Every structure is written in C-alpha cells, then in structure tokens.
C-alpha cells in the first residue's frame, strides 16, 4: 500500500495545508489546480483516508490530515537531509 506513496504527494499535502487552497498550492508548485487536486486524491487513496474536507469553499484538514501533516514534514526533511548527505 505505501509503496505508491511519493515525496511529491507529501510535498503537495504540506503546501496545500500551508497555503489554504488547491489553487494557491498550484501557483506555488507551478502546476494547475486540477493536478494538485489529483495528487491529493491519489495520496488519500493510497492512505485510505480523507486528508481534506472539501465541503466548504476552502479545503480544511480533517483530523487525520492534521495528525499526518507533521509526519509528512518529517519525511520531506529526512529526504532532503539524505540528498544533502549524498551530495557531500
């Protein structure tokens, strides 16, 4: 199940959470809003949980999304540290 989990999906989750919208995340990541939405949907499918509540105008993190956000940040930081170590 988690073999399909990607750093790109985790980065997208973090940016959507930080910017507060799929379109703002798209602007920051230089992608169209639909690509951001599809990336988050793929992450949700991989994990088997909803990360955002999309019922309102602005997507909000679900409780599961709030719980996983720090883990996503740690995994991204770990991958960046690994890359830096490999380059040095």
PDB file of N, CA and C in Angstrom:
ATOM      1  N   UNK A   1       0.819  -1.197   0.000  1.00  0.00           N
ATOM      2  CA  UNK A   1       0.000   0.000   0.000  1.00  0.00           C
ATOM      3  C   UNK A   1       0.860   1.256   0.000  1.00  0.00           C
ATOM      4  N   UNK A   2       1.804   1.367   0.904  1.00  0.00           N
ATOM      5  CA  UNK A   2       2.594   2.588   0.994  1.00  0.00           C
ATOM      6  C   UNK A   2       3.682   2.663  -0.058  1.00  0.00           C
ATOM      7  N   UNK A   3       3.875   1.612  -0.847  1.00  0.00           N
ATOM      8  CA  UNK A   3       4.864   1.657  -1.912  1.00  0.00           C
ATOM      9  C   UNK A   3       4.516   2.729  -2.940  1.00  0.00           C
ATOM     10  N   UNK A   4       3.245   3.074  -3.047  1.00  0.00           N
ATOM     11  CA  UNK A   4       2.820   4.091  -4.008  1.00  0.00           C
ATOM     12  C   UNK A   4       2.906   5.497  -3.447  1.00  0.00           C
ATOM     13  N   UNK A   5       3.272   5.643  -2.197  1.00  0.00           N
ATOM     14  CA  UNK A   5       3.414   6.941  -1.555  1.00  0.00           C
ATOM     15  C   UNK A   5       4.649   7.645  -2.114  1.00  0.00           C
ATOM     16  N   UNK A   6       4.495   8.914  -2.507  1.00  0.00           N
ATOM     17  CA  UNK A   6       5.625   9.642  -3.079  1.00  0.00           C
ATOM     18  C   UNK A   6       5.912  10.916  -2.291  1.00  0.00           C
ATOM     19  N   UNK A   7       7.152  11.365  -2.393  1.00  0.00           N
ATOM     20  CA  UNK A   7       7.512  12.637  -1.761  1.00  0.00           C
ATOM     21  C   UNK A   7       6.742  13.796  -2.388  1.00  0.00           C
ATOM     22  N   UNK A   8       6.473  13.700  -3.685  1.00  0.00           N
ATOM     23  CA  UNK A   8       5.693  14.739  -4.348  1.00  0.00           C
ATOM     24  C   UNK A   8       4.300  14.852  -3.717  1.00  0.00           C
ATOM     25  N   UNK A   9       3.685  13.726  -3.427  1.00  0.00           N
ATOM     26  CA  UNK A   9       2.368  13.759  -2.790  1.00  0.00           C
ATOM     27  C   UNK A   9       2.452  14.410  -1.418  1.00  0.00           C
ATOM     28  N   UNK A  10       3.495  14.068  -0.662  1.00  0.00           N
ATOM     29  CA  UNK A  10       3.649  14.645   0.670  1.00  0.00           C
ATOM     30  C   UNK A  10       3.921  16.144   0.599  1.00  0.00           C
ATOM     31  N   UNK A  11       4.761  16.552  -0.356  1.00  0.00           N
ATOM     32  CA  UNK A  11       5.021  17.988  -0.541  1.00  0.00           C
ATOM     33  C   UNK A  11       3.731  18.725  -0.890  1.00  0.00           C
ATOM     34  N   UNK A  12       2.943  18.119  -1.744  1.00  0.00           N
ATOM     35  CA  UNK A  12       1.677  18.737  -2.149  1.00  0.00           C
ATOM     36  C   UNK A  12       0.751  18.883  -0.948  1.00  0.00           C
ATOM     37  N   UNK A  13       0.658  17.851  -0.126  1.00  0.00           N
ATOM     38  CA  UNK A  13      -0.146  17.922   1.094  1.00  0.00           C
ATOM     39  C   UNK A  13       0.303  19.094   1.958  1.00  0.00           C
ATOM     40  N   UNK A  14       1.588  19.217   2.179  1.00  0.00           N
ATOM     41  CA  UNK A  14       2.122  20.280   3.033  1.00  0.00           C
ATOM     42  C   UNK A  14       1.824  21.652   2.442  1.00  0.00           C
ATOM     43  N   UNK A  15       2.028  21.818   1.155  1.00  0.00           N
ATOM     44  CA  UNK A  15       1.808  23.131   0.531  1.00  0.00           C
ATOM     45  C   UNK A  15       0.326  23.499   0.538  1.00  0.00           C
ATOM     46  N   UNK A  16      -0.551  22.543   0.273  1.00  0.00           N
ATOM     47  CA  UNK A  16      -1.991  22.843   0.339  1.00  0.00           C
ATOM     48  C   UNK A  16      -2.363  23.262   1.756  1.00  0.00           C
ATOM     49  N   UNK A  17      -1.858  22.539   2.742  1.00  0.00           N
ATOM     50  CA  UNK A  17      -2.161  22.875   4.136  1.00  0.00           C
ATOM     51  C   UNK A  17      -1.628  24.263   4.496  1.00  0.00           C
ATOM     52  N   UNK A  18      -0.432  24.591   4.015  1.00  0.00           N
ATOM     53  CA  UNK A  18       0.171  25.881   4.346  1.00  0.00           C
ATOM     54  C   UNK A  18      -0.472  27.048   3.612  1.00  0.00           C
ATOM     55  N   UNK A  19      -0.865  26.832   2.355  1.00  0.00           N
ATOM     56  CA  UNK A  19      -1.435  27.937   1.578  1.00  0.00           C
ATOM     57  C   UNK A  19      -2.946  28.061   1.770  1.00  0.00           C
ATOM     58  N   UNK A  20      -3.589  26.970   2.156  1.00  0.00           N
ATOM     59  CA  UNK A  20      -5.018  27.014   2.428  1.00  0.00           C
ATOM     60  C   UNK A  20      -5.912  26.748   1.239  1.00  0.00           C
ATOM     61  N   UNK A  21      -5.324  26.471   0.063  1.00  0.00           N
ATOM     62  CA  UNK A  21      -6.169  26.159  -1.085  1.00  0.00           C
ATOM     63  C   UNK A  21      -5.388  25.378  -2.133  1.00  0.00           C
ATOM     64  N   UNK A  22      -6.136  24.665  -2.952  1.00  0.00           N
ATOM     65  CA  UNK A  22      -5.529  23.891  -4.030  1.00  0.00           C
ATOM     66  C   UNK A  22      -4.971  24.823  -5.108  1.00  0.00           C
ATOM     67  N   UNK A  23      -5.674  25.906  -5.386  1.00  0.00           N
ATOM     68  CA  UNK A  23      -5.193  26.819  -6.422  1.00  0.00           C
ATOM     69  C   UNK A  23      -3.952  27.573  -5.963  1.00  0.00           C
ATOM     70  N   UNK A  24      -3.894  27.987  -4.705  1.00  0.00           N
ATOM     71  CA  UNK A  24      -2.695  28.659  -4.192  1.00  0.00           C
ATOM     72  C   UNK A  24      -1.512  27.688  -4.180  1.00  0.00           C
ATOM     73  N   UNK A  25      -1.763  26.452  -3.826  1.00  0.00           N
ATOM     74  CA  UNK A  25      -0.704  25.442  -3.863  1.00  0.00           C
ATOM     75  C   UNK A  25      -0.225  25.245  -5.297  1.00  0.00           C
ATOM     76  N   UNK A  26      -1.151  25.245  -6.235  1.00  0.00           N
ATOM     77  CA  UNK A  26      -0.787  25.114  -7.640  1.00  0.00           C
ATOM     78  C   UNK A  26       0.114  26.243  -8.096  1.00  0.00           C
ATOM     79  N   UNK A  27      -0.205  27.453  -7.675  1.00  0.00           N
ATOM     80  CA  UNK A  27       0.636  28.592  -8.045  1.00  0.00           C
ATOM     81  C   UNK A  27       2.044  28.432  -7.454  1.00  0.00           C
ATOM     82  N   UNK A  28       2.114  28.028  -6.204  1.00  0.00           N
ATOM     83  CA  UNK A  28       3.415  27.883  -5.555  1.00  0.00           C
ATOM     84  C   UNK A  28       4.225  26.738  -6.172  1.00  0.00           C
ATOM     85  N   UNK A  29       3.552  25.648  -6.505  1.00  0.00           N
ATOM     86  CA  UNK A  29       4.245  24.484  -7.074  1.00  0.00           C
ATOM     87  C   UNK A  29       4.334  24.538  -8.601  1.00  0.00           C
ATOM     88  N   UNK A  30       3.782  25.609  -9.174  1.00  0.00           N
ATOM     89  CA  UNK A  30       3.793  25.816 -10.636  1.00  0.00           C
ATOM     90  C   UNK A  30       3.092  24.679 -11.376  1.00  0.00           C
ATOM     91  N   UNK A  31       1.886  24.363 -10.888  1.00  0.00           N
ATOM     92  CA  UNK A  31       1.046  23.347 -11.519  1.00  0.00           C
ATOM     93  C   UNK A  31      -0.387  23.867 -11.554  1.00  0.00           C
ATOM     94  N   UNK A  32      -1.179  23.274 -12.415  1.00  0.00           N
ATOM     95  CA  UNK A  32      -2.587  23.660 -12.465  1.00  0.00           C
ATOM     96  C   UNK A  32      -3.305  23.077 -11.252  1.00  0.00           C
ATOM     97  N   UNK A  33      -4.390  23.728 -10.877  1.00  0.00           N
ATOM     98  CA  UNK A  33      -5.152  23.317  -9.697  1.00  0.00           C
ATOM     99  C   UNK A  33      -5.620  21.873  -9.805  1.00  0.00           C
ATOM    100  N   UNK A  34      -6.019  21.438 -10.992  1.00  0.00           N
ATOM    101  CA  UNK A  34      -6.514  20.070 -11.142  1.00  0.00           C
ATOM    102  C   UNK A  34      -5.415  19.040 -10.868  1.00  0.00           C
ATOM    103  N   UNK A  35      -4.166  19.356 -11.198  1.00  0.00           N
ATOM    104  CA  UNK A  35      -3.057  18.444 -10.905  1.00  0.00           C
ATOM    105  C   UNK A  35      -2.824  18.337  -9.404  1.00  0.00           C
ATOM    106  N   UNK A  36      -2.969  19.449  -8.709  1.00  0.00           N
ATOM    107  CA  UNK A  36      -2.837  19.443  -7.249  1.00  0.00           C
ATOM    108  C   UNK A  36      -3.937  18.584  -6.645  1.00  0.00           C
ATOM    109  N   UNK A  37      -5.157  18.788  -7.099  1.00  0.00           N
ATOM    110  CA  UNK A  37      -6.291  18.016  -6.599  1.00  0.00           C
ATOM    111  C   UNK A  37      -6.100  16.520  -6.852  1.00  0.00           C
ATOM    112  N   UNK A  38      -5.641  16.167  -8.046  1.00  0.00           N
ATOM    113  CA  UNK A  38      -5.415  14.758  -8.371  1.00  0.00           C
ATOM    114  C   UNK A  38      -4.309  14.159  -7.518  1.00  0.00           C
ATOM    115  N   UNK A  39      -3.279  14.925  -7.248  1.00  0.00           N
ATOM    116  CA  UNK A  39      -2.178  14.439  -6.409  1.00  0.00           C
ATOM    117  C   UNK A  39      -2.667  14.163  -4.992  1.00  0.00           C
ATOM    118  N   UNK A  40      -3.469  15.069  -4.449  1.00  0.00           N
ATOM    119  CA  UNK A  40      -4.011  14.873  -3.101  1.00  0.00           C
ATOM    120  C   UNK A  40      -4.971  13.680  -3.093  1.00  0.00           C
ATOM    121  N   UNK A  41      -5.793  13.550  -4.123  1.00  0.00           N
ATOM    122  CA  UNK A  41      -6.710  12.410  -4.195  1.00  0.00           C
ATOM    123  C   UNK A  41      -5.953  11.092  -4.270  1.00  0.00           C
ATOM    124  N   UNK A  42      -4.843  11.060  -5.009  1.00  0.00           N
ATOM    125  CA  UNK A  42      -4.027   9.848  -5.097  1.00  0.00           C
ATOM    126  C   UNK A  42      -3.415   9.518  -3.735  1.00  0.00           C
ATOM    127  N   UNK A  43      -2.972  10.533  -3.005  1.00  0.00           N
ATOM    128  CA  UNK A  43      -2.428  10.318  -1.665  1.00  0.00           C
ATOM    129  C   UNK A  43      -3.507   9.776  -0.733  1.00  0.00           C
ATOM    130  N   UNK A  44      -4.689  10.369  -0.812  1.00  0.00           N
ATOM    131  CA  UNK A  44      -5.792   9.899   0.021  1.00  0.00           C
ATOM    132  C   UNK A  44      -6.149   8.451  -0.310  1.00  0.00           C
ATOM    133  N   UNK A  45      -6.135   8.108  -1.583  1.00  0.00           N
ATOM    134  CA  UNK A  45      -6.433   6.730  -1.989  1.00  0.00           C
ATOM    135  C   UNK A  45      -5.356   5.774  -1.487  1.00  0.00           C
ATOM    136  N   UNK A  46      -4.103   6.194  -1.572  1.00  0.00           N
ATOM    137  CA  UNK A  46      -3.001   5.354  -1.096  1.00  0.00           C
ATOM    138  C   UNK A  46      -3.109   5.106   0.404  1.00  0.00           C
ATOM    139  N   UNK A  47      -3.434   6.154   1.145  1.00  0.00           N
ATOM    140  CA  UNK A  47      -3.534   6.034   2.602  1.00  0.00           C
ATOM    141  C   UNK A  47      -4.880   5.469   3.061  1.00  0.00           C
ATOM    142  N   UNK A  48      -5.883   5.575   2.202  1.00  0.00           N
ATOM    143  CA  UNK A  48      -7.210   5.081   2.554  1.00  0.00           C
ATOM    144  C   UNK A  48      -7.966   5.983   3.515  1.00  0.00           C
ATOM    145  N   UNK A  49      -7.622   7.271   3.512  1.00  0.00           N
ATOM    146  CA  UNK A  49      -8.300   8.231   4.397  1.00  0.00           C
ATOM    147  C   UNK A  49      -8.460   9.568   3.679  1.00  0.00           C
ATOM    148  N   UNK A  50      -9.416  10.354   4.123  1.00  0.00           N
ATOM    149  CA  UNK A  50      -9.587  11.720   3.612  1.00  0.00           C
ATOM    150  C   UNK A  50      -8.668  12.640   4.408  1.00  0.00           C
ATOM    151  N   UNK A  51      -7.894  13.440   3.713  1.00  0.00           N
ATOM    152  CA  UNK A  51      -6.992  14.382   4.370  1.00  0.00           C
ATOM    153  C   UNK A  51      -7.579  15.787   4.448  1.00  0.00           C
ATOM    154  N   UNK A  52      -8.479  16.087   3.505  1.00  0.00           N
ATOM    155  CA  UNK A  52      -9.116  17.401   3.472  1.00  0.00           C
ATOM    156  C   UNK A  52     -10.626  17.253   3.428  1.00  0.00           C
ATOM    157  N   UNK A  53     -11.308  18.162   4.108  1.00  0.00           N
ATOM    158  CA  UNK A  53     -12.758  18.289   3.996  1.00  0.00           C
ATOM    159  C   UNK A  53     -13.007  19.323   2.913  1.00  0.00           C
ATOM    160  N   UNK A  54     -13.660  18.892   1.849  1.00  0.00           N
ATOM    161  CA  UNK A  54     -13.879  19.769   0.703  1.00  0.00           C
ATOM    162  C   UNK A  54     -15.316  20.294   0.626  1.00  0.00           C
ATOM    163  N   UNK A  55     -16.070  20.187   1.700  1.00  0.00           N
ATOM    164  CA  UNK A  55     -17.473  20.596   1.640  1.00  0.00           C
ATOM    165  C   UNK A  55     -17.643  22.111   1.582  1.00  0.00           C
ATOM    166  N   UNK A  56     -16.721  22.841   2.153  1.00  0.00           N
ATOM    167  CA  UNK A  56     -16.809  24.301   2.119  1.00  0.00           C
ATOM    168  C   UNK A  56     -16.059  24.870   0.934  1.00  0.00           C
ATOM    169  N   UNK A  57     -16.019  26.189   0.873  1.00  0.00           N
ATOM    170  CA  UNK A  57     -15.310  26.859  -0.210  1.00  0.00           C
ATOM    171  C   UNK A  57     -13.803  26.636  -0.101  1.00  0.00           C
ATOM    172  N   UNK A  58     -13.315  26.586   1.131  1.00  0.00           N
ATOM    173  CA  UNK A  58     -11.884  26.392   1.381  1.00  0.00           C
ATOM    174  C   UNK A  58     -11.675  24.995   1.955  1.00  0.00           C
ATOM    175  N   UNK A  59     -10.746  24.211   1.368  1.00  0.00           N
ATOM    176  CA  UNK A  59     -10.485  22.880   1.923  1.00  0.00           C
ATOM    177  C   UNK A  59      -9.824  23.006   3.296  1.00  0.00           C
ATOM    178  N   UNK A  60     -10.281  22.204   4.229  1.00  0.00           N
ATOM    179  CA  UNK A  60      -9.694  22.207   5.564  1.00  0.00           C
ATOM    180  C   UNK A  60      -9.201  20.807   5.876  1.00  0.00           C
ATOM    181  N   UNK A  61      -8.129  20.734   6.623  1.00  0.00           N
ATOM    182  CA  UNK A  61      -7.591  19.437   7.008  1.00  0.00           C
ATOM    183  C   UNK A  61      -8.577  18.700   7.899  1.00  0.00           C
ATOM    184  N   UNK A  62      -8.731  17.432   7.643  1.00  0.00           N
ATOM    185  CA  UNK A  62      -9.507  16.585   8.543  1.00  0.00           C
ATOM    186  C   UNK A  62      -8.633  16.303   9.764  1.00  0.00           C
ATOM    187  N   UNK A  63      -9.191  15.645  10.757  1.00  0.00           N
ATOM    188  CA  UNK A  63      -8.392  15.263  11.924  1.00  0.00           C
ATOM    189  C   UNK A  63      -7.236  14.362  11.500  1.00  0.00           C
ATOM    190  N   UNK A  64      -7.508  13.446  10.574  1.00  0.00           N
ATOM    191  CA  UNK A  64      -6.448  12.566  10.068  1.00  0.00           C
ATOM    192  C   UNK A  64      -5.381  13.386   9.354  1.00  0.00           C
ATOM    193  N   UNK A  65      -5.799  14.374   8.561  1.00  0.00           N
ATOM    194  CA  UNK A  65      -4.852  15.231   7.869  1.00  0.00           C
ATOM    195  C   UNK A  65      -3.988  16.008   8.841  1.00  0.00           C
ATOM    196  N   UNK A  66      -4.601  16.524   9.903  1.00  0.00           N
ATOM    197  CA  UNK A  66      -3.847  17.249  10.925  1.00  0.00           C
ATOM    198  C   UNK A  66      -2.830  16.338  11.607  1.00  0.00           C
ATOM    199  N   UNK A  67      -3.222  15.099  11.839  1.00  0.00           N
ATOM    200  CA  UNK A  67      -2.326  14.148  12.502  1.00  0.00           C
ATOM    201  C   UNK A  67      -1.158  13.745  11.614  1.00  0.00           C
ATOM    202  N   UNK A  68      -1.393  13.649  10.303  1.00  0.00           N
ATOM    203  CA  UNK A  68      -0.351  13.190   9.389  1.00  0.00           C
ATOM    204  C   UNK A  68       0.556  14.311   8.874  1.00  0.00           C
ATOM    205  N   UNK A  69       0.118  15.539   8.967  1.00  0.00           N
ATOM    206  CA  UNK A  69       0.911  16.659   8.448  1.00  0.00           C
ATOM    207  C   UNK A  69       2.318  16.735   9.062  1.00  0.00           C
ATOM    208  N   UNK A  70       2.471  16.622  10.377  1.00  0.00           N
ATOM    209  CA  UNK A  70       3.833  16.647  10.928  1.00  0.00           C
ATOM    210  C   UNK A  70       4.693  15.479  10.423  1.00  0.00           C
ATOM    211  N   UNK A  71       4.092  14.323  10.234  1.00  0.00           N
ATOM    212  CA  UNK A  71       4.822  13.169   9.701  1.00  0.00           C
ATOM    213  C   UNK A  71       5.292  13.454   8.277  1.00  0.00           C
ATOM    214  N   UNK A  72       4.426  14.067   7.478  1.00  0.00           N
ATOM    215  CA  UNK A  72       4.796  14.407   6.097  1.00  0.00           C
ATOM    216  C   UNK A  72       5.961  15.383   6.097  1.00  0.00           C
ATOM    217  N   UNK A  73       5.915  16.358   6.974  1.00  0.00           N
ATOM    218  CA  UNK A  73       7.013  17.328   7.063  1.00  0.00           C
ATOM    219  C   UNK A  73       8.324  16.645   7.457  1.00  0.00           C
ATOM    220  N   UNK A  74       8.252  15.708   8.413  1.00  0.00           N
ATOM    221  CA  UNK A  74       9.458  14.987   8.843  1.00  0.00           C
ATOM    222  C   UNK A  74      10.027  14.133   7.716  1.00  0.00           C
ATOM    223  N   UNK A  75       9.158  13.456   6.968  1.00  0.00           N
ATOM    224  CA  UNK A  75       9.627  12.625   5.860  1.00  0.00           C
ATOM    225  C   UNK A  75      10.300  13.471   4.780  1.00  0.00           C
ATOM    226  N   UNK A  76       9.720  14.612   4.467  1.00  0.00           N
ATOM    227  CA  UNK A  76      10.316  15.509   3.471  1.00  0.00           C
ATOM    228  C   UNK A  76      11.674  16.003   3.962  1.00  0.00           C
ATOM    229  N   UNK A  77      11.750  16.421   5.217  1.00  0.00           N
ATOM    230  CA  UNK A  77      13.026  16.892   5.783  1.00  0.00           C
ATOM    231  C   UNK A  77      14.059  15.768   5.764  1.00  0.00           C
ATOM    232  N   UNK A  78      13.642  14.556   6.079  1.00  0.00           N
ATOM    233  CA  UNK A  78      14.559  13.423   6.051  1.00  0.00           C
ATOM    234  C   UNK A  78      15.075  13.138   4.655  1.00  0.00           C
ATOM    235  N   UNK A  79      14.215  13.236   3.662  1.00  0.00           N
ATOM    236  CA  UNK A  79      14.628  13.011   2.277  1.00  0.00           C
ATOM    237  C   UNK A  79      15.595  14.100   1.833  1.00  0.00           C
ATOM    238  N   UNK A  80      15.339  15.344   2.246  1.00  0.00           N
ATOM    239  CA  UNK A  80      16.254  16.438   1.898  1.00  0.00           C
ATOM    240  C   UNK A  80      17.602  16.249   2.570  1.00  0.00           C
ATOM    241  N   UNK A  81      17.613  15.776   3.818  1.00  0.00           N
ATOM    242  CA  UNK A  81      18.874  15.510   4.516  1.00  0.00           C
ATOM    243  C   UNK A  81      19.636  14.375   3.832  1.00  0.00           C
ATOM    244  N   UNK A  82      18.924  13.359   3.404  1.00  0.00           N
ATOM    245  CA  UNK A  82      19.543  12.241   2.692  1.00  0.00           C
ATOM    246  C   UNK A  82      20.197  12.723   1.397  1.00  0.00           C
ATOM    247  N   UNK A  83      19.480  13.547   0.659  1.00  0.00           N
ATOM    248  CA  UNK A  83      20.021  14.087  -0.606  1.00  0.00           C
ATOM    249  C   UNK A  83      21.266  14.942  -0.334  1.00  0.00           C
ATOM    250  N   UNK A  84      21.203  15.788   0.685  1.00  0.00           N
ATOM    251  CA  UNK A  84      22.352  16.644   1.019  1.00  0.00           C
ATOM    252  C   UNK A  84      23.548  15.796   1.435  1.00  0.00           C
ATOM    253  N   UNK A  85      23.308  14.754   2.214  1.00  0.00           N
ATOM    254  CA  UNK A  85      24.387  13.886   2.648  1.00  0.00           C
ATOM    255  C   UNK A  85      25.012  13.165   1.451  1.00  0.00           C
ATOM    256  N   UNK A  86      24.185  12.723   0.534  1.00  0.00           N
ATOM    257  CA  UNK A  86      24.684  12.018  -0.650  1.00  0.00           C
ATOM    258  C   UNK A  86      25.512  12.958  -1.531  1.00  0.00           C
ATOM    259  N   UNK A  87      25.125  14.223  -1.582  1.00  0.00           N
ATOM    260  CA  UNK A  87      25.844  15.196  -2.418  1.00  0.00           C
ATOM    261  C   UNK A  87      27.155  15.630  -1.814  1.00  0.00           C
ATOM    262  N   UNK A  88      27.321  15.448  -0.508  1.00  0.00           N
ATOM    263  CA  UNK A  88      28.560  15.925   0.147  1.00  0.00           C
ATOM    264  C   UNK A  88      29.636  14.849   0.200  1.00  0.00           C
TER     265      UNK A  88
END
